[in-house]
Amino acid sequence: MHFSGTPHFRPGSSFFSASAAEPIHRDLLRQYTNRAQEILISHRACLPDDDRLQLIIEAAMEARGLFFVAAMAEPTTEELDQCFDKFVL
């Protein structure tokens, strides 16, 4: 099953260790890292170290993918962003 809103993510795959067939672009990783940092800063939460932040981002991507697969829904970009934001918090 392919969701148009998540072309870079396949449920069950790791966000940071995707196969060569589905490369993760450094810009996308930077985008999610920046987004997570902005969310945490705006809520006055402590910023974790880089390794911990990567784990949070990976888990958020996995969670949102699994949620929408389980819901059998094709999410909008806005819904994907909301799900990511809530998980990071």
C-alpha atoms as a PDB file:
ATOM      1  CA  MET A   1       0.000   0.000   0.000  1.00  0.00           C
ATOM      2  CA  HIS A   2       1.414   3.388  -0.954  1.00  0.00           C
ATOM      3  CA  PHE A   3       0.348   6.677   0.551  1.00  0.00           C
ATOM      4  CA  SER A   4       0.934   9.685  -1.642  1.00  0.00           C
ATOM      5  CA  GLY A   5       1.647  11.815   1.428  1.00  0.00           C
ATOM      6  CA  THR A   6       4.567   9.624   2.502  1.00  0.00           C
ATOM      7  CA  PRO A   7       6.564   8.606  -0.561  1.00  0.00           C
ATOM      8  CA  HIS A   8       9.721   8.310   1.537  1.00  0.00           C
ATOM      9  CA  PHE A   9       8.244   6.006   4.183  1.00  0.00           C
ATOM     10  CA  ARG A  10       7.049   2.445   4.021  1.00  0.00           C
ATOM     11  CA  PRO A  11       5.378   1.021   7.166  1.00  0.00           C
ATOM     12  CA  GLY A  12       7.733  -1.363   8.898  1.00  0.00           C
ATOM     13  CA  SER A  13      10.827   0.272   7.437  1.00  0.00           C
ATOM     14  CA  SER A  14      13.133   2.426   9.458  1.00  0.00           C
ATOM     15  CA  PHE A  15      13.207   6.112   8.581  1.00  0.00           C
ATOM     16  CA  PHE A  16      16.980   6.265   8.993  1.00  0.00           C
ATOM     17  CA  SER A  17      17.913   2.938   7.418  1.00  0.00           C
ATOM     18  CA  ALA A  18      15.749   2.797   4.304  1.00  0.00           C
ATOM     19  CA  SER A  19      16.909   0.546   1.506  1.00  0.00           C
ATOM     20  CA  ALA A  20      18.778   1.900  -1.506  1.00  0.00           C
ATOM     21  CA  ALA A  21      15.553   1.506  -3.501  1.00  0.00           C
ATOM     22  CA  GLU A  22      13.928   4.148  -1.281  1.00  0.00           C
ATOM     23  CA  PRO A  23      16.698   6.607  -0.393  1.00  0.00           C
ATOM     24  CA  ILE A  24      16.158   9.112   2.350  1.00  0.00           C
ATOM     25  CA  HIS A  25      17.214  12.547   1.208  1.00  0.00           C
ATOM     26  CA  ARG A  26      19.394  14.548   3.568  1.00  0.00           C
ATOM     27  CA  ASP A  27      17.097  17.536   3.000  1.00  0.00           C
ATOM     28  CA  LEU A  28      14.122  15.528   4.261  1.00  0.00           C
ATOM     29  CA  LEU A  29      16.020  14.424   7.349  1.00  0.00           C
ATOM     30  CA  ARG A  30      17.097  18.030   7.957  1.00  0.00           C
ATOM     31  CA  GLN A  31      13.487  19.180   7.508  1.00  0.00           C
ATOM     32  CA  TYR A  32      12.172  16.770  10.142  1.00  0.00           C
ATOM     33  CA  THR A  33      15.074  17.522  12.484  1.00  0.00           C
ATOM     34  CA  ASN A  34      14.376  21.262  12.216  1.00  0.00           C
ATOM     35  CA  ARG A  35      10.654  20.673  12.679  1.00  0.00           C
ATOM     36  CA  ALA A  36      11.206  18.588  15.808  1.00  0.00           C
ATOM     37  CA  GLN A  37      13.585  21.179  17.264  1.00  0.00           C
ATOM     38  CA  GLU A  38      11.114  24.001  16.560  1.00  0.00           C
ATOM     39  CA  ILE A  39       8.291  22.069  18.208  1.00  0.00           C
ATOM     40  CA  LEU A  40      10.328  21.397  21.323  1.00  0.00           C
ATOM     41  CA  ILE A  41      11.608  24.987  21.542  1.00  0.00           C
ATOM     42  CA  SER A  42       8.126  26.463  21.063  1.00  0.00           C
ATOM     43  CA  HIS A  43       6.862  24.334  23.973  1.00  0.00           C
ATOM     44  CA  ARG A  44       9.891  25.228  26.096  1.00  0.00           C
ATOM     45  CA  ALA A  45      10.988  21.608  26.284  1.00  0.00           C
ATOM     46  CA  CYS A  46      14.613  20.613  26.664  1.00  0.00           C
ATOM     47  CA  LEU A  47      16.334  19.737  23.413  1.00  0.00           C
ATOM     48  CA  PRO A  48      17.745  16.219  23.510  1.00  0.00           C
ATOM     49  CA  ASP A  49      21.199  15.397  22.176  1.00  0.00           C
ATOM     50  CA  ASP A  50      21.457  14.616  18.448  1.00  0.00           C
ATOM     51  CA  ASP A  51      21.302  10.820  18.845  1.00  0.00           C
ATOM     52  CA  ARG A  52      18.221  11.029  21.047  1.00  0.00           C
ATOM     53  CA  LEU A  53      16.558  13.486  18.650  1.00  0.00           C
ATOM     54  CA  GLN A  54      17.141  11.084  15.755  1.00  0.00           C
ATOM     55  CA  LEU A  55      15.483   8.300  17.755  1.00  0.00           C
ATOM     56  CA  ILE A  56      12.499  10.549  18.457  1.00  0.00           C
ATOM     57  CA  ILE A  57      12.186  11.449  14.764  1.00  0.00           C
ATOM     58  CA  GLU A  58      12.461   7.807  13.703  1.00  0.00           C
ATOM     59  CA  ALA A  59       9.808   6.767  16.207  1.00  0.00           C
ATOM     60  CA  ALA A  60       7.505   9.625  15.153  1.00  0.00           C
ATOM     61  CA  MET A  61       7.778   8.617  11.501  1.00  0.00           C
ATOM     62  CA  GLU A  62       7.130   4.964  12.332  1.00  0.00           C
ATOM     63  CA  ALA A  63       4.158   5.848  14.550  1.00  0.00           C
ATOM     64  CA  ARG A  64       2.469   8.084  12.012  1.00  0.00           C
ATOM     65  CA  GLY A  65       2.951   5.512   9.257  1.00  0.00           C
ATOM     66  CA  LEU A  66       1.480   2.734  11.378  1.00  0.00           C
ATOM     67  CA  PHE A  67      -1.405   4.912  12.531  1.00  0.00           C
ATOM     68  CA  PHE A  68      -2.556   5.767   9.025  1.00  0.00           C
ATOM     69  CA  VAL A  69      -2.090   2.202   7.780  1.00  0.00           C
ATOM     70  CA  ALA A  70      -4.174   0.913  10.686  1.00  0.00           C
ATOM     71  CA  ALA A  71      -6.804   3.566  10.010  1.00  0.00           C
ATOM     72  CA  MET A  72      -6.749   2.582   6.327  1.00  0.00           C
ATOM     73  CA  ALA A  73      -6.681   6.269   5.497  1.00  0.00           C
ATOM     74  CA  GLU A  74      -4.707   8.290   3.019  1.00  0.00           C
ATOM     75  CA  PRO A  75      -3.577  11.262   5.094  1.00  0.00           C
ATOM     76  CA  THR A  76      -3.114  14.793   3.926  1.00  0.00           C
ATOM     77  CA  THR A  77       0.210  16.535   4.461  1.00  0.00           C
ATOM     78  CA  GLU A  78      -1.410  18.544   7.249  1.00  0.00           C
ATOM     79  CA  GLU A  79      -2.570  15.359   9.018  1.00  0.00           C
ATOM     80  CA  LEU A  80       0.902  13.833   8.701  1.00  0.00           C
ATOM     81  CA  ASP A  81       2.458  16.972  10.179  1.00  0.00           C
ATOM     82  CA  GLN A  82      -0.029  17.039  13.067  1.00  0.00           C
ATOM     83  CA  CYS A  83       0.655  13.398  13.882  1.00  0.00           C
ATOM     84  CA  PHE A  84       4.431  13.977  13.784  1.00  0.00           C
ATOM     85  CA  ASP A  85       4.152  17.083  15.974  1.00  0.00           C
ATOM     86  CA  LYS A  86       2.032  15.342  18.614  1.00  0.00           C
ATOM     87  CA  PHE A  87       4.399  12.407  18.790  1.00  0.00           C
ATOM     88  CA  VAL A  88       7.472  14.625  19.176  1.00  0.00           C
ATOM     89  CA  LEU A  89       5.802  16.449  22.070  1.00  0.00           C
END
